Amino acid sequence: MCLAIPARVVAIMDADQAVVELGGVRKDISLALLDGVVEGDYVIVHVGYALTRLDPDEAARTLAMMATAGA
């Protein structure tokens, strides 16, 4: 089973790369599949790629649900 998680973009780098943060952990990811991502956006991340942008309210609900489930 695969899991895609919402994460907040904290930095945009060159070559379609960005840094996202989730729970204090930062990770470099690829933005090659998306256009127009800016710092502060929430994206769904799977295997190091941002798949789609996510509404901040939806990201908060999803993260809260994951925390409740212990993920």
C-alpha atoms as a PDB file:
ATOM      1  CA  MET A   1       0.000   0.000   0.000  1.00  0.00           C
ATOM      2  CA  CYS A   2       1.215   3.502  -0.795  1.00  0.00           C
ATOM      3  CA  LEU A   3       0.626   6.667   1.156  1.00  0.00           C
ATOM      4  CA  ALA A   4       0.568  10.216  -0.174  1.00  0.00           C
ATOM      5  CA  ILE A   5       0.726  12.929   2.469  1.00  0.00           C
ATOM      6  CA  PRO A   6       0.051  16.671   2.560  1.00  0.00           C
ATOM      7  CA  ALA A   7       3.062  18.858   3.278  1.00  0.00           C
ATOM      8  CA  ARG A   8       3.673  22.620   3.264  1.00  0.00           C
ATOM      9  CA  VAL A   9       6.156  24.068   0.770  1.00  0.00           C
ATOM     10  CA  VAL A  10       8.736  26.089   2.702  1.00  0.00           C
ATOM     11  CA  ALA A  11      11.196  26.842  -0.110  1.00  0.00           C
ATOM     12  CA  ILE A  12      11.265  26.754  -3.890  1.00  0.00           C
ATOM     13  CA  MET A  13      14.605  25.797  -5.382  1.00  0.00           C
ATOM     14  CA  ASP A  14      15.785  25.677  -8.971  1.00  0.00           C
ATOM     15  CA  ALA A  15      15.368  22.724 -11.355  1.00  0.00           C
ATOM     16  CA  ASP A  16      11.761  21.998 -10.300  1.00  0.00           C
ATOM     17  CA  GLN A  17      12.797  21.247  -6.720  1.00  0.00           C
ATOM     18  CA  ALA A  18      11.278  22.403  -3.425  1.00  0.00           C
ATOM     19  CA  VAL A  19      11.603  21.819   0.295  1.00  0.00           C
ATOM     20  CA  VAL A  20       8.478  20.734   2.164  1.00  0.00           C
ATOM     21  CA  GLU A  21       7.873  20.449   5.892  1.00  0.00           C
ATOM     22  CA  LEU A  22       5.657  18.071   7.814  1.00  0.00           C
ATOM     23  CA  GLY A  23       5.756  17.864  11.590  1.00  0.00           C
ATOM     24  CA  GLY A  24       9.095  19.652  11.766  1.00  0.00           C
ATOM     25  CA  VAL A  25      10.735  17.313   9.226  1.00  0.00           C
ATOM     26  CA  ARG A  26      11.970  18.869   6.004  1.00  0.00           C
ATOM     27  CA  LYS A  27      12.434  16.993   2.744  1.00  0.00           C
ATOM     28  CA  ASP A  28      13.515  17.880  -0.775  1.00  0.00           C
ATOM     29  CA  ILE A  29      10.887  16.997  -3.370  1.00  0.00           C
ATOM     30  CA  SER A  30      10.310  17.389  -7.093  1.00  0.00           C
ATOM     31  CA  LEU A  31       7.781  19.850  -8.512  1.00  0.00           C
ATOM     32  CA  ALA A  32       8.188  18.471 -12.045  1.00  0.00           C
ATOM     33  CA  LEU A  33       4.535  17.363 -12.174  1.00  0.00           C
ATOM     34  CA  LEU A  34       3.039  20.722 -11.112  1.00  0.00           C
ATOM     35  CA  ASP A  35       3.096  24.315 -12.312  1.00  0.00           C
ATOM     36  CA  GLY A  36       2.683  27.464 -10.252  1.00  0.00           C
ATOM     37  CA  VAL A  37       3.524  26.126  -6.788  1.00  0.00           C
ATOM     38  CA  VAL A  38       4.615  28.875  -4.386  1.00  0.00           C
ATOM     39  CA  GLU A  39       5.963  28.927  -0.841  1.00  0.00           C
ATOM     40  CA  GLY A  40       3.180  28.317   1.644  1.00  0.00           C
ATOM     41  CA  ASP A  41       1.177  26.038  -0.664  1.00  0.00           C
ATOM     42  CA  TYR A  42       0.222  22.583   0.562  1.00  0.00           C
ATOM     43  CA  VAL A  43       0.958  19.751  -1.828  1.00  0.00           C
ATOM     44  CA  ILE A  44       0.260  16.028  -1.791  1.00  0.00           C
ATOM     45  CA  VAL A  45       3.642  14.251  -1.792  1.00  0.00           C
ATOM     46  CA  HIS A  46       4.206  10.683  -2.926  1.00  0.00           C
ATOM     47  CA  VAL A  47       7.641   9.064  -3.403  1.00  0.00           C
ATOM     48  CA  GLY A  48       9.337  12.454  -3.535  1.00  0.00           C
ATOM     49  CA  TYR A  49       7.010  14.102  -6.059  1.00  0.00           C
ATOM     50  CA  ALA A  50       4.356  16.746  -5.483  1.00  0.00           C
ATOM     51  CA  LEU A  51       1.251  15.353  -7.179  1.00  0.00           C
ATOM     52  CA  THR A  52      -1.275  18.158  -6.632  1.00  0.00           C
ATOM     53  CA  ARG A  53      -1.891  21.321  -4.642  1.00  0.00           C
ATOM     54  CA  LEU A  54      -4.234  21.016  -1.686  1.00  0.00           C
ATOM     55  CA  ASP A  55      -6.519  23.575  -0.050  1.00  0.00           C
ATOM     56  CA  PRO A  56      -5.035  24.606   3.352  1.00  0.00           C
ATOM     57  CA  ASP A  57      -8.267  23.691   5.174  1.00  0.00           C
ATOM     58  CA  GLU A  58      -8.318  20.241   3.591  1.00  0.00           C
ATOM     59  CA  ALA A  59      -4.637  19.775   4.464  1.00  0.00           C
ATOM     60  CA  ALA A  60      -5.361  20.676   8.106  1.00  0.00           C
ATOM     61  CA  ARG A  61      -8.273  18.210   8.260  1.00  0.00           C
ATOM     62  CA  THR A  62      -6.203  15.439   6.705  1.00  0.00           C
ATOM     63  CA  LEU A  63      -3.250  16.036   9.018  1.00  0.00           C
ATOM     64  CA  ALA A  64      -5.555  16.125  12.060  1.00  0.00           C
ATOM     65  CA  MET A  65      -7.129  12.833  10.994  1.00  0.00           C
ATOM     66  CA  MET A  66      -3.681  11.262  10.537  1.00  0.00           C
ATOM     67  CA  ALA A  67      -2.611  12.485  13.990  1.00  0.00           C
ATOM     68  CA  THR A  68      -5.743  10.998  15.542  1.00  0.00           C
ATOM     69  CA  ALA A  69      -5.006   7.693  13.831  1.00  0.00           C
ATOM     70  CA  GLY A  70      -1.444   7.784  15.147  1.00  0.00           C
ATOM     71  CA  ALA A  71       0.190   8.151  11.750  1.00  0.00           C
END
